[in-house]
Amino acid sequence: QVLLVESGGGLVQAGDSLRLSCAASGDTNCISDMAWYRQTPGRERELVASITSGGSTYYQDSVKGRFTGSRDNARTSMSLLMNSLKPEDTATYYCNAVITTSDPFCAAQYGGGGMEFWGRGTLVTVSS
């Protein structure tokens, strides 16, 4: 399996910055896309940013220009630099990793697709 552990959350004021980190272990060679999601009580978990194995990035409109995601070449870590934080950014942020369907070992271990792993989350609280 793949274990994902987030870190870096905390309490900050509006306008501050935080850098979230996600450390991956286990079958990291089986990871294709990775992403950051966030969730607040009463709302659905939403995609914040995603990074493909090829380095392509996607950002939710509300964080474009403020957040920057990155990952290492070995797929063992991912980070999210969060600038100009707003109170509405307050949420629990989760690291997500999708299992590749192209590697034979990964396909044998995890099946034909759709398998993904989640971290436990790290809380970000932005005060006004």
N, C-alpha and C. Protein backbone atom coordinates (compact mmCIF):
# COMPACT_ATOMS: atom_id res chain seq x y z
N GLN A 1 0.82 -1.18 0.00
CA GLN A 1 0.00 0.00 0.00
C GLN A 1 0.87 1.25 0.00
N VAL A 2 0.21 2.39 -0.08
CA VAL A 2 0.86 3.68 -0.03
C VAL A 2 0.38 4.41 1.21
N LEU A 3 1.33 4.89 1.99
CA LEU A 3 1.02 5.67 3.17
C LEU A 3 1.34 7.13 2.89
N LEU A 4 0.38 7.99 3.15
CA LEU A 4 0.54 9.42 2.95
C LEU A 4 0.38 10.13 4.28
N VAL A 5 1.33 10.99 4.59
CA VAL A 5 1.31 11.72 5.85
C VAL A 5 1.49 13.20 5.57
N GLU A 6 0.48 13.99 5.91
CA GLU A 6 0.54 15.43 5.73
C GLU A 6 1.15 16.11 6.95
N SER A 7 1.72 17.27 6.72
CA SER A 7 2.23 18.09 7.80
C SER A 7 2.25 19.54 7.35
N GLY A 8 2.38 20.44 8.30
CA GLY A 8 2.52 21.85 7.99
C GLY A 8 1.33 22.72 8.31
N GLY A 9 0.22 22.13 8.68
CA GLY A 9 -0.95 22.91 9.00
C GLY A 9 -0.77 23.68 10.29
N GLY A 10 -1.64 24.65 10.49
CA GLY A 10 -1.56 25.44 11.70
C GLY A 10 -2.52 26.61 11.66
N LEU A 11 -2.37 27.49 12.63
CA LEU A 11 -3.20 28.68 12.75
C LEU A 11 -2.41 29.89 12.28
N VAL A 12 -2.95 30.59 11.29
CA VAL A 12 -2.30 31.77 10.74
C VAL A 12 -3.32 32.88 10.56
N GLN A 13 -2.82 34.07 10.29
CA GLN A 13 -3.69 35.20 10.02
C GLN A 13 -3.85 35.39 8.51
N ALA A 14 -4.93 36.04 8.14
CA ALA A 14 -5.16 36.33 6.73
C ALA A 14 -3.96 37.07 6.14
N GLY A 15 -3.57 36.65 4.96
CA GLY A 15 -2.42 37.23 4.30
C GLY A 15 -1.12 36.47 4.53
N ASP A 16 -1.11 35.60 5.52
CA ASP A 16 0.08 34.81 5.81
C ASP A 16 0.25 33.68 4.81
N SER A 17 1.37 32.98 4.92
CA SER A 17 1.67 31.85 4.06
C SER A 17 1.92 30.61 4.88
N LEU A 18 1.65 29.48 4.30
CA LEU A 18 1.95 28.18 4.87
C LEU A 18 2.42 27.25 3.77
N ARG A 19 3.28 26.32 4.15
CA ARG A 19 3.69 25.29 3.22
C ARG A 19 3.29 23.94 3.79
N LEU A 20 2.41 23.26 3.09
CA LEU A 20 2.00 21.92 3.47
C LEU A 20 2.88 20.89 2.77
N SER A 21 3.16 19.80 3.46
CA SER A 21 3.97 18.74 2.89
C SER A 21 3.24 17.42 3.01
N CYS A 22 3.48 16.55 2.05
CA CYS A 22 2.94 15.21 2.06
C CYS A 22 4.08 14.24 1.79
N ALA A 23 4.33 13.35 2.74
CA ALA A 23 5.36 12.34 2.59
C ALA A 23 4.72 11.01 2.25
N ALA A 24 5.15 10.41 1.16
CA ALA A 24 4.62 9.13 0.71
C ALA A 24 5.61 8.02 0.97
N SER A 25 5.11 6.88 1.38
CA SER A 25 5.95 5.71 1.60
C SER A 25 5.19 4.47 1.16
N GLY A 26 5.91 3.36 1.04
CA GLY A 26 5.32 2.14 0.54
C GLY A 26 5.59 1.99 -0.95
N ASP A 27 4.55 1.65 -1.69
CA ASP A 27 4.69 1.44 -3.13
C ASP A 27 4.61 2.76 -3.88
N THR A 28 5.57 3.62 -3.59
CA THR A 28 5.55 4.94 -4.21
C THR A 28 5.75 4.89 -5.71
N ASN A 29 6.38 3.82 -6.19
CA ASN A 29 6.55 3.67 -7.63
C ASN A 29 5.23 3.45 -8.34
N CYS A 30 4.20 3.14 -7.61
CA CYS A 30 2.89 2.91 -8.20
C CYS A 30 2.04 4.17 -8.27
N ILE A 31 2.54 5.26 -7.77
CA ILE A 31 1.79 6.51 -7.76
C ILE A 31 1.87 7.19 -9.11
N SER A 32 0.72 7.58 -9.62
CA SER A 32 0.69 8.38 -10.84
C SER A 32 0.39 9.83 -10.46
N ASP A 33 -0.87 10.21 -10.48
CA ASP A 33 -1.23 11.57 -10.12
C ASP A 33 -1.29 11.74 -8.60
N MET A 34 -0.99 12.94 -8.15
CA MET A 34 -1.15 13.30 -6.76
C MET A 34 -1.93 14.59 -6.69
N ALA A 35 -2.56 14.82 -5.56
CA ALA A 35 -3.42 15.99 -5.45
C ALA A 35 -3.59 16.40 -4.00
N TRP A 36 -3.97 17.64 -3.84
CA TRP A 36 -4.39 18.18 -2.56
C TRP A 36 -5.88 18.46 -2.60
N TYR A 37 -6.58 17.98 -1.61
CA TYR A 37 -7.99 18.26 -1.43
C TYR A 37 -8.17 18.98 -0.10
N ARG A 38 -9.31 19.62 0.07
CA ARG A 38 -9.62 20.22 1.35
C ARG A 38 -11.10 20.03 1.64
N GLN A 39 -11.43 20.06 2.93
CA GLN A 39 -12.80 19.84 3.34
C GLN A 39 -13.09 20.60 4.62
N THR A 40 -14.26 21.22 4.66
CA THR A 40 -14.75 21.89 5.85
C THR A 40 -16.06 21.24 6.25
N PRO A 41 -16.46 21.36 7.52
CA PRO A 41 -17.72 20.76 7.95
C PRO A 41 -18.90 21.23 7.12
N GLY A 42 -19.72 20.29 6.70
CA GLY A 42 -20.90 20.62 5.93
C GLY A 42 -20.67 20.79 4.45
N ARG A 43 -19.44 20.64 4.00
CA ARG A 43 -19.14 20.78 2.59
C ARG A 43 -18.47 19.52 2.05
N GLU A 44 -18.61 19.34 0.75
CA GLU A 44 -17.94 18.23 0.10
C GLU A 44 -16.44 18.48 0.03
N ARG A 45 -15.69 17.40 0.04
CA ARG A 45 -14.26 17.53 -0.16
C ARG A 45 -14.01 18.03 -1.58
N GLU A 46 -13.19 19.05 -1.71
CA GLU A 46 -12.96 19.66 -3.01
C GLU A 46 -11.49 19.59 -3.41
N LEU A 47 -11.28 19.47 -4.69
CA LEU A 47 -9.93 19.44 -5.23
C LEU A 47 -9.33 20.84 -5.19
N VAL A 48 -8.16 20.96 -4.63
CA VAL A 48 -7.44 22.22 -4.56
C VAL A 48 -6.41 22.32 -5.67
N ALA A 49 -5.58 21.30 -5.79
CA ALA A 49 -4.53 21.28 -6.80
C ALA A 49 -4.17 19.84 -7.10
N SER A 50 -3.78 19.58 -8.32
CA SER A 50 -3.33 18.26 -8.70
C SER A 50 -2.06 18.36 -9.52
N ILE A 51 -1.26 17.32 -9.45
CA ILE A 51 0.00 17.25 -10.19
C ILE A 51 0.13 15.86 -10.77
N THR A 52 0.24 15.79 -12.08
CA THR A 52 0.41 14.50 -12.73
C THR A 52 1.85 14.03 -12.59
N SER A 53 2.07 12.76 -12.93
CA SER A 53 3.42 12.22 -12.89
C SER A 53 4.34 12.94 -13.87
N GLY A 54 3.76 13.54 -14.89
CA GLY A 54 4.53 14.29 -15.86
C GLY A 54 4.77 15.74 -15.47
N GLY A 55 4.20 16.15 -14.35
CA GLY A 55 4.43 17.50 -13.86
C GLY A 55 3.37 18.51 -14.21
N SER A 56 2.33 18.11 -14.91
CA SER A 56 1.26 19.04 -15.23
C SER A 56 0.47 19.36 -13.97
N THR A 57 0.09 20.61 -13.84
CA THR A 57 -0.61 21.06 -12.64
C THR A 57 -1.99 21.61 -12.96
N TYR A 58 -2.86 21.48 -12.00
CA TYR A 58 -4.20 22.06 -12.07
C TYR A 58 -4.48 22.73 -10.74
N TYR A 59 -5.14 23.88 -10.80
CA TYR A 59 -5.51 24.59 -9.60
C TYR A 59 -6.97 25.01 -9.65
N GLN A 60 -7.63 24.88 -8.54
CA GLN A 60 -8.97 25.39 -8.40
C GLN A 60 -8.94 26.90 -8.60
N ASP A 61 -9.98 27.43 -9.22
CA ASP A 61 -10.01 28.85 -9.53
C ASP A 61 -9.76 29.73 -8.31
N SER A 62 -10.29 29.34 -7.17
CA SER A 62 -10.19 30.17 -5.98
C SER A 62 -8.77 30.27 -5.43
N VAL A 63 -7.87 29.39 -5.86
CA VAL A 63 -6.51 29.42 -5.33
C VAL A 63 -5.48 29.75 -6.40
N LYS A 64 -5.91 29.92 -7.63
CA LYS A 64 -4.98 30.24 -8.70
C LYS A 64 -4.25 31.55 -8.40
N GLY A 65 -2.95 31.53 -8.59
CA GLY A 65 -2.14 32.69 -8.31
C GLY A 65 -1.71 32.81 -6.87
N ARG A 66 -2.28 32.00 -5.99
CA ARG A 66 -1.93 32.04 -4.57
C ARG A 66 -1.25 30.75 -4.10
N PHE A 67 -1.72 29.62 -4.59
CA PHE A 67 -1.18 28.33 -4.18
C PHE A 67 -0.30 27.76 -5.29
N THR A 68 0.75 27.06 -4.89
CA THR A 68 1.63 26.41 -5.83
C THR A 68 1.95 25.01 -5.34
N GLY A 69 1.62 24.01 -6.15
CA GLY A 69 1.91 22.64 -5.81
C GLY A 69 3.17 22.15 -6.48
N SER A 70 3.85 21.22 -5.84
CA SER A 70 5.05 20.64 -6.42
C SER A 70 5.23 19.23 -5.89
N ARG A 71 6.03 18.43 -6.58
CA ARG A 71 6.34 17.08 -6.15
C ARG A 71 7.73 16.72 -6.63
N ASP A 72 8.35 15.76 -5.95
CA ASP A 72 9.67 15.35 -6.35
C ASP A 72 9.58 14.31 -7.45
N ASN A 73 10.72 14.06 -8.10
CA ASN A 73 10.75 13.13 -9.22
C ASN A 73 10.53 11.68 -8.80
N ALA A 74 10.86 11.36 -7.56
CA ALA A 74 10.70 10.00 -7.06
C ALA A 74 9.30 9.72 -6.54
N ARG A 75 8.43 10.71 -6.58
CA ARG A 75 7.05 10.58 -6.14
C ARG A 75 6.93 10.28 -4.66
N THR A 76 7.93 10.65 -3.90
CA THR A 76 7.91 10.37 -2.47
C THR A 76 7.45 11.55 -1.63
N SER A 77 7.29 12.70 -2.24
CA SER A 77 6.84 13.86 -1.49
C SER A 77 6.11 14.83 -2.39
N MET A 78 5.27 15.61 -1.79
CA MET A 78 4.51 16.64 -2.49
C MET A 78 4.30 17.78 -1.52
N SER A 79 4.26 18.98 -2.04
CA SER A 79 4.07 20.14 -1.18
C SER A 79 3.06 21.09 -1.80
N LEU A 80 2.54 21.96 -0.96
CA LEU A 80 1.61 22.99 -1.41
C LEU A 80 1.99 24.27 -0.70
N LEU A 81 2.52 25.22 -1.45
CA LEU A 81 2.84 26.52 -0.91
C LEU A 81 1.60 27.39 -1.01
N MET A 82 1.12 27.83 0.12
CA MET A 82 -0.12 28.59 0.20
C MET A 82 0.20 30.02 0.59
N ASN A 83 0.05 30.93 -0.35
CA ASN A 83 0.30 32.34 -0.11
C ASN A 83 -1.00 33.12 -0.01
N SER A 84 -0.92 34.29 0.59
CA SER A 84 -2.08 35.19 0.69
C SER A 84 -3.32 34.47 1.19
N LEU A 85 -3.16 33.76 2.27
CA LEU A 85 -4.25 32.94 2.79
C LEU A 85 -5.43 33.79 3.22
N LYS A 86 -6.60 33.26 2.98
CA LYS A 86 -7.86 33.90 3.32
C LYS A 86 -8.62 33.06 4.32
N PRO A 87 -9.52 33.66 5.09
CA PRO A 87 -10.31 32.87 6.03
C PRO A 87 -11.06 31.72 5.37
N GLU A 88 -11.50 31.92 4.13
CA GLU A 88 -12.22 30.87 3.43
C GLU A 88 -11.33 29.70 3.03
N ASP A 89 -10.01 29.84 3.21
CA ASP A 89 -9.11 28.72 2.98
C ASP A 89 -9.07 27.78 4.17
N THR A 90 -9.68 28.15 5.26
CA THR A 90 -9.72 27.31 6.44
C THR A 90 -10.36 25.96 6.11
N ALA A 91 -9.64 24.90 6.36
CA ALA A 91 -10.12 23.56 6.04
C ALA A 91 -9.10 22.54 6.50
N THR A 92 -9.50 21.30 6.47
CA THR A 92 -8.55 20.21 6.62
C THR A 92 -8.07 19.83 5.23
N TYR A 93 -6.78 19.84 5.05
CA TYR A 93 -6.18 19.56 3.75
C TYR A 93 -5.66 18.13 3.71
N TYR A 94 -6.02 17.42 2.64
CA TYR A 94 -5.69 16.02 2.50
C TYR A 94 -4.80 15.78 1.29
N CYS A 95 -3.83 14.93 1.45
CA CYS A 95 -2.99 14.47 0.36
C CYS A 95 -3.63 13.25 -0.28
N ASN A 96 -3.60 13.22 -1.59
CA ASN A 96 -4.21 12.12 -2.35
C ASN A 96 -3.22 11.59 -3.38
N ALA A 97 -3.20 10.28 -3.55
CA ALA A 97 -2.35 9.66 -4.55
C ALA A 97 -3.13 8.60 -5.30
N VAL A 98 -3.06 8.65 -6.61
CA VAL A 98 -3.75 7.70 -7.47
C VAL A 98 -2.76 6.66 -7.98
N ILE A 99 -3.18 5.40 -7.99
CA ILE A 99 -2.32 4.31 -8.43
C ILE A 99 -2.32 4.22 -9.94
N THR A 100 -1.14 4.05 -10.50
CA THR A 100 -1.00 3.94 -11.95
C THR A 100 -1.61 2.63 -12.45
N THR A 101 -2.07 2.66 -13.69
CA THR A 101 -2.61 1.47 -14.33
C THR A 101 -1.65 0.90 -15.36
N SER A 102 -0.49 1.52 -15.54
CA SER A 102 0.43 1.12 -16.60
C SER A 102 1.54 0.18 -16.14
N ASP A 103 1.91 0.22 -14.88
CA ASP A 103 2.99 -0.63 -14.38
C ASP A 103 2.46 -2.02 -14.06
N PRO A 104 3.10 -3.08 -14.57
CA PRO A 104 2.60 -4.45 -14.34
C PRO A 104 2.53 -4.82 -12.86
N PHE A 105 3.55 -4.47 -12.09
CA PHE A 105 3.53 -4.78 -10.66
C PHE A 105 2.37 -4.08 -9.97
N CYS A 106 2.20 -2.82 -10.27
CA CYS A 106 1.13 -2.06 -9.65
C CYS A 106 -0.24 -2.59 -10.06
N ALA A 107 -0.37 -2.95 -11.32
CA ALA A 107 -1.64 -3.50 -11.80
C ALA A 107 -1.96 -4.81 -11.10
N ALA A 108 -0.94 -5.64 -10.87
CA ALA A 108 -1.14 -6.92 -10.20
C ALA A 108 -1.53 -6.73 -8.74
N GLN A 109 -0.97 -5.73 -8.11
CA GLN A 109 -1.21 -5.50 -6.70
C GLN A 109 -2.52 -4.76 -6.43
N TYR A 110 -2.87 -3.85 -7.31
CA TYR A 110 -3.99 -2.96 -7.03
C TYR A 110 -5.15 -3.07 -8.00
N GLY A 111 -5.02 -3.86 -9.05
CA GLY A 111 -6.11 -4.01 -9.99
C GLY A 111 -5.99 -3.07 -11.17
N GLY A 112 -7.07 -3.00 -11.93
CA GLY A 112 -7.04 -2.30 -13.19
C GLY A 112 -7.17 -0.79 -13.16
N GLY A 113 -7.45 -0.25 -12.01
CA GLY A 113 -7.57 1.19 -11.93
C GLY A 113 -8.56 1.64 -10.88
N GLY A 114 -8.52 2.91 -10.59
CA GLY A 114 -9.44 3.49 -9.64
C GLY A 114 -8.97 3.49 -8.20
N MET A 115 -7.85 2.83 -7.92
CA MET A 115 -7.35 2.77 -6.55
C MET A 115 -6.64 4.07 -6.19
N GLU A 116 -6.94 4.57 -5.03
CA GLU A 116 -6.28 5.77 -4.55
C GLU A 116 -6.11 5.72 -3.04
N PHE A 117 -5.19 6.52 -2.54
CA PHE A 117 -4.91 6.57 -1.12
C PHE A 117 -5.01 7.99 -0.61
N TRP A 118 -5.32 8.10 0.66
CA TRP A 118 -5.50 9.40 1.31
C TRP A 118 -4.68 9.50 2.58
N GLY A 119 -4.20 10.69 2.85
CA GLY A 119 -3.58 10.95 4.13
C GLY A 119 -4.64 11.25 5.18
N ARG A 120 -4.20 11.43 6.40
CA ARG A 120 -5.12 11.70 7.49
C ARG A 120 -5.58 13.15 7.53
N GLY A 121 -4.87 14.02 6.87
CA GLY A 121 -5.25 15.42 6.81
C GLY A 121 -4.47 16.28 7.79
N THR A 122 -4.35 17.55 7.46
CA THR A 122 -3.74 18.53 8.34
C THR A 122 -4.62 19.78 8.33
N LEU A 123 -4.88 20.31 9.50
CA LEU A 123 -5.82 21.42 9.63
C LEU A 123 -5.14 22.76 9.42
N VAL A 124 -5.74 23.55 8.56
CA VAL A 124 -5.30 24.92 8.32
C VAL A 124 -6.41 25.86 8.77
N THR A 125 -6.09 26.75 9.69
CA THR A 125 -7.06 27.72 10.18
C THR A 125 -6.53 29.12 9.91
N VAL A 126 -7.30 29.90 9.18
CA VAL A 126 -6.91 31.26 8.82
C VAL A 126 -7.86 32.23 9.50
N SER A 127 -7.34 33.04 10.39
CA SER A 127 -8.14 34.01 11.10
C SER A 127 -8.16 35.34 10.37
N SER A 128 -9.24 36.08 10.54
CA SER A 128 -9.38 37.37 9.89
C SER A 128 -8.72 38.46 10.71
